[in-house]
C-alpha atoms as a PDB file:
ATOM      1  CA  UNK A   1      17.188  42.238  73.410  1.00  0.00           C
ATOM      2  CA  UNK A   2      14.963  44.075  75.851  1.00  0.00           C
ATOM      3  CA  UNK A   3      17.226  43.057  78.730  1.00  0.00           C
ATOM      4  CA  UNK A   4      20.279  44.553  77.004  1.00  0.00           C
ATOM      5  CA  UNK A   5      18.496  47.913  76.801  1.00  0.00           C
ATOM      6  CA  UNK A   6      17.647  47.800  80.507  1.00  0.00           C
ATOM      7  CA  UNK A   7      21.229  46.907  81.422  1.00  0.00           C
ATOM      8  CA  UNK A   8      22.529  49.738  79.254  1.00  0.00           C
ATOM      9  CA  UNK A   9      20.139  52.200  80.891  1.00  0.00           C
ATOM     10  CA  UNK A  10      21.193  50.972  84.343  1.00  0.00           C
ATOM     11  CA  UNK A  11      24.881  51.287  83.425  1.00  0.00           C
ATOM     12  CA  UNK A  12      24.390  54.859  82.185  1.00  0.00           C
ATOM     13  CA  UNK A  13      22.476  55.796  85.351  1.00  0.00           C
ATOM     14  CA  UNK A  14      25.153  54.372  87.641  1.00  0.00           C
ATOM     15  CA  UNK A  15      27.955  55.994  85.641  1.00  0.00           C
ATOM     16  CA  UNK A  16      26.337  59.425  85.577  1.00  0.00           C
ATOM     17  CA  UNK A  17      25.374  59.179  89.222  1.00  0.00           C
ATOM     18  CA  UNK A  18      28.962  58.348  90.132  1.00  0.00           C
ATOM     19  CA  UNK A  19      30.297  61.307  88.176  1.00  0.00           C
ATOM     20  CA  UNK A  20      28.184  63.788  90.060  1.00  0.00           C
ATOM     21  CA  UNK A  21      29.356  62.729  93.511  1.00  0.00           C
ATOM     22  CA  UNK A  22      31.943  65.095  94.920  1.00  0.00           C
ATOM     23  CA  UNK A  23      32.664  66.441  98.357  1.00  0.00           C
ATOM     24  CA  UNK A  24      30.250  69.155  99.413  1.00  0.00           C
ATOM     25  CA  UNK A  25      31.703  72.575 100.126  1.00  0.00           C
ATOM     26  CA  UNK A  26      30.086  74.909 102.640  1.00  0.00           C
ATOM     27  CA  UNK A  27      30.747  78.527 101.620  1.00  0.00           C
ATOM     28  CA  UNK A  28      32.719  79.379 104.758  1.00  0.00           C
ATOM     29  CA  UNK A  29      34.935  76.303 104.371  1.00  0.00           C
ATOM     30  CA  UNK A  30      35.626  77.177 100.739  1.00  0.00           C
ATOM     31  CA  UNK A  31      36.481  80.734 101.692  1.00  0.00           C
ATOM     32  CA  UNK A  32      38.937  79.479 104.311  1.00  0.00           C
ATOM     33  CA  UNK A  33      40.583  77.152 101.743  1.00  0.00           C
ATOM     34  CA  UNK A  34      40.979  80.035  99.268  1.00  0.00           C
ATOM     35  CA  UNK A  35      42.269  82.389 101.997  1.00  0.00           C
ATOM     36  CA  UNK A  36      44.764  79.776 103.237  1.00  0.00           C
ATOM     37  CA  UNK A  37      46.057  79.360  99.668  1.00  0.00           C
ATOM     38  CA  UNK A  38      46.505  83.126  99.279  1.00  0.00           C
ATOM     39  CA  UNK A  39      48.120  83.319 102.723  1.00  0.00           C
ATOM     40  CA  UNK A  40      50.726  80.733 101.686  1.00  0.00           C
ATOM     41  CA  UNK A  41      51.498  82.848  98.625  1.00  0.00           C
ATOM     42  CA  UNK A  42      51.706  86.046 100.652  1.00  0.00           C
ATOM     43  CA  UNK A  43      54.122  84.476 103.136  1.00  0.00           C
ATOM     44  CA  UNK A  44      56.339  83.209 100.313  1.00  0.00           C
ATOM     45  CA  UNK A  45      55.499  79.525 100.844  1.00  0.00           C
ATOM     46  CA  UNK A  46      54.909  78.877  97.158  1.00  0.00           C
ATOM     47  CA  UNK A  47      55.708  75.159  97.377  1.00  0.00           C
ATOM     48  CA  UNK A  48      52.981  74.760 100.014  1.00  0.00           C
ATOM     49  CA  UNK A  49      50.524  76.752  97.880  1.00  0.00           C
ATOM     50  CA  UNK A  50      51.465  74.669  94.837  1.00  0.00           C
ATOM     51  CA  UNK A  51      50.562  71.470  96.728  1.00  0.00           C
ATOM     52  CA  UNK A  52      47.000  72.794  97.202  1.00  0.00           C
ATOM     53  CA  UNK A  53      46.314  72.965  93.458  1.00  0.00           C
ATOM     54  CA  UNK A  54      44.626  70.417  91.207  1.00  0.00           C
ATOM     55  CA  UNK A  55      46.492  68.261  88.703  1.00  0.00           C
ATOM     56  CA  UNK A  56      44.861  70.347  85.940  1.00  0.00           C
ATOM     57  CA  UNK A  57      46.248  73.571  87.444  1.00  0.00           C
ATOM     58  CA  UNK A  58      49.704  71.991  87.640  1.00  0.00           C
ATOM     59  CA  UNK A  59      49.578  70.780  84.042  1.00  0.00           C
ATOM     60  CA  UNK A  60      48.534  74.202  82.736  1.00  0.00           C
ATOM     61  CA  UNK A  61      50.950  76.190  84.902  1.00  0.00           C
ATOM     62  CA  UNK A  62      54.181  74.475  85.857  1.00  0.00           C
ATOM     63  CA  UNK A  63      55.809  75.252  89.194  1.00  0.00           C
ATOM     64  CA  UNK A  64      58.273  77.762  87.718  1.00  0.00           C
ATOM     65  CA  UNK A  65      55.510  79.465  85.741  1.00  0.00           C
ATOM     66  CA  UNK A  66      53.508  79.678  88.990  1.00  0.00           C
ATOM     67  CA  UNK A  67      56.483  81.310  90.740  1.00  0.00           C
ATOM     68  CA  UNK A  68      56.848  83.810  87.874  1.00  0.00           C
ATOM     69  CA  UNK A  69      53.099  84.516  87.891  1.00  0.00           C
ATOM     70  CA  UNK A  70      53.174  85.344  91.605  1.00  0.00           C
ATOM     71  CA  UNK A  71      56.343  87.410  91.250  1.00  0.00           C
ATOM     72  CA  UNK A  72      54.777  89.565  88.497  1.00  0.00           C
ATOM     73  CA  UNK A  73      51.641  90.233  90.565  1.00  0.00           C
ATOM     74  CA  UNK A  74      52.522  92.134  93.741  1.00  0.00           C
ATOM     75  CA  UNK A  75      48.842  92.281  94.736  1.00  0.00           C
ATOM     76  CA  UNK A  76      49.186  88.610  95.724  1.00  0.00           C
ATOM     77  CA  UNK A  77      51.678  89.656  98.405  1.00  0.00           C
ATOM     78  CA  UNK A  78      49.469  92.403  99.880  1.00  0.00           C
ATOM     79  CA  UNK A  79      46.513  92.438 102.247  1.00  0.00           C
ATOM     80  CA  UNK A  80      43.400  91.011 100.643  1.00  0.00           C
ATOM     81  CA  UNK A  81      39.729  91.423 101.389  1.00  0.00           C
ATOM     82  CA  UNK A  82      37.028  88.850 100.659  1.00  0.00           C
ATOM     83  CA  UNK A  83      34.386  90.180  98.271  1.00  0.00           C
ATOM     84  CA  UNK A  84      32.111  87.357  97.112  1.00  0.00           C
ATOM     85  CA  UNK A  85      31.599  83.669  96.386  1.00  0.00           C
ATOM     86  CA  UNK A  86      29.530  81.866  93.801  1.00  0.00           C
ATOM     87  CA  UNK A  87      29.119  78.333  92.534  1.00  0.00           C
ATOM     88  CA  UNK A  88      29.655  77.581  88.864  1.00  0.00           C
ATOM     89  CA  UNK A  89      28.445  74.185  87.765  1.00  0.00           C
ATOM     90  CA  UNK A  90      28.011  72.696  84.328  1.00  0.00           C
ATOM     91  CA  UNK A  91      27.089  69.133  83.500  1.00  0.00           C
ATOM     92  CA  UNK A  92      30.736  68.057  83.744  1.00  0.00           C
ATOM     93  CA  UNK A  93      32.514  70.650  85.908  1.00  0.00           C
ATOM     94  CA  UNK A  94      31.789  71.874  89.413  1.00  0.00           C
ATOM     95  CA  UNK A  95      33.683  74.978  90.558  1.00  0.00           C
ATOM     96  CA  UNK A  96      33.291  77.482  93.355  1.00  0.00           C
ATOM     97  CA  UNK A  97      34.668  80.955  92.632  1.00  0.00           C
ATOM     98  CA  UNK A  98      35.921  83.290  95.348  1.00  0.00           C
ATOM     99  CA  UNK A  99      36.588  86.966  94.633  1.00  0.00           C
ATOM    100  CA  UNK A 100      39.033  89.017  96.675  1.00  0.00           C
ATOM    101  CA  UNK A 101      40.346  92.533  96.321  1.00  0.00           C
ATOM    102  CA  UNK A 102      43.720  94.044  97.086  1.00  0.00           C
ATOM    103  CA  UNK A 103      44.355  97.769  97.367  1.00  0.00           C
ATOM    104  CA  UNK A 104      48.147  97.855  97.281  1.00  0.00           C
ATOM    105  CA  UNK A 105      50.237  98.464  95.293  1.00  0.00           C
ATOM    106  CA  UNK A 106      47.228  99.280  93.088  1.00  0.00           C
ATOM    107  CA  UNK A 107      43.594  98.150  93.211  1.00  0.00           C
ATOM    108  CA  UNK A 108      43.411  94.561  92.004  1.00  0.00           C
ATOM    109  CA  UNK A 109      40.862  91.790  91.678  1.00  0.00           C
ATOM    110  CA  UNK A 110      41.924  88.282  92.695  1.00  0.00           C
ATOM    111  CA  UNK A 111      39.911  85.197  91.779  1.00  0.00           C
ATOM    112  CA  UNK A 112      40.492  81.761  93.273  1.00  0.00           C
ATOM    113  CA  UNK A 113      38.437  78.892  91.862  1.00  0.00           C
ATOM    114  CA  UNK A 114      38.124  75.625  93.767  1.00  0.00           C
ATOM    115  CA  UNK A 115      37.299  72.248  92.304  1.00  0.00           C
ATOM    116  CA  UNK A 116      36.608  68.898  93.953  1.00  0.00           C
ATOM    117  CA  UNK A 117      39.620  66.605  93.831  1.00  0.00           C
ATOM    118  CA  UNK A 118      39.272  63.147  95.363  1.00  0.00           C
ATOM    119  CA  UNK A 119      38.008  63.767  98.922  1.00  0.00           C
ATOM    120  CA  UNK A 120      38.851  67.473  99.210  1.00  0.00           C
ATOM    121  CA  UNK A 121      38.661  70.752  97.331  1.00  0.00           C
ATOM    122  CA  UNK A 122      41.748  72.201  95.637  1.00  0.00           C
ATOM    123  CA  UNK A 123      42.653  75.339  93.729  1.00  0.00           C
ATOM    124  CA  UNK A 124      41.758  74.951  90.078  1.00  0.00           C
ATOM    125  CA  UNK A 125      42.470  78.498  88.926  1.00  0.00           C
ATOM    126  CA  UNK A 126      44.144  81.677  90.159  1.00  0.00           C
ATOM    127  CA  UNK A 127      43.677  85.008  88.402  1.00  0.00           C
ATOM    128  CA  UNK A 128      45.096  88.311  89.638  1.00  0.00           C
ATOM    129  CA  UNK A 129      44.212  91.383  87.583  1.00  0.00           C
END
């Protein structure tokens, strides 16, 4: 019986260790990923931007809903300025949040959250207020 407990503990350790491995994201690289995503939106290449999102993003916001979201938020088509970046990590989710601001047509806050997906980072969330 003692061996079963050791094997169970080893299995849990390996499983949890495997869950925590994800590609690392230097801040400047993450900022460039978020800026490239917003640049695709600004230039009207919504299909390209859509391809840079996670499966979770796609399941929550279908492609047509994404198009409508962008259309109803003109700040996403204007010049943006990087404001800040911060990591948000819980025991199960690892996200990096990037804040941008847009002045036209009215002052707006834009948030792009990145999440590890396979061997790269992808857009998990987009909020334009």
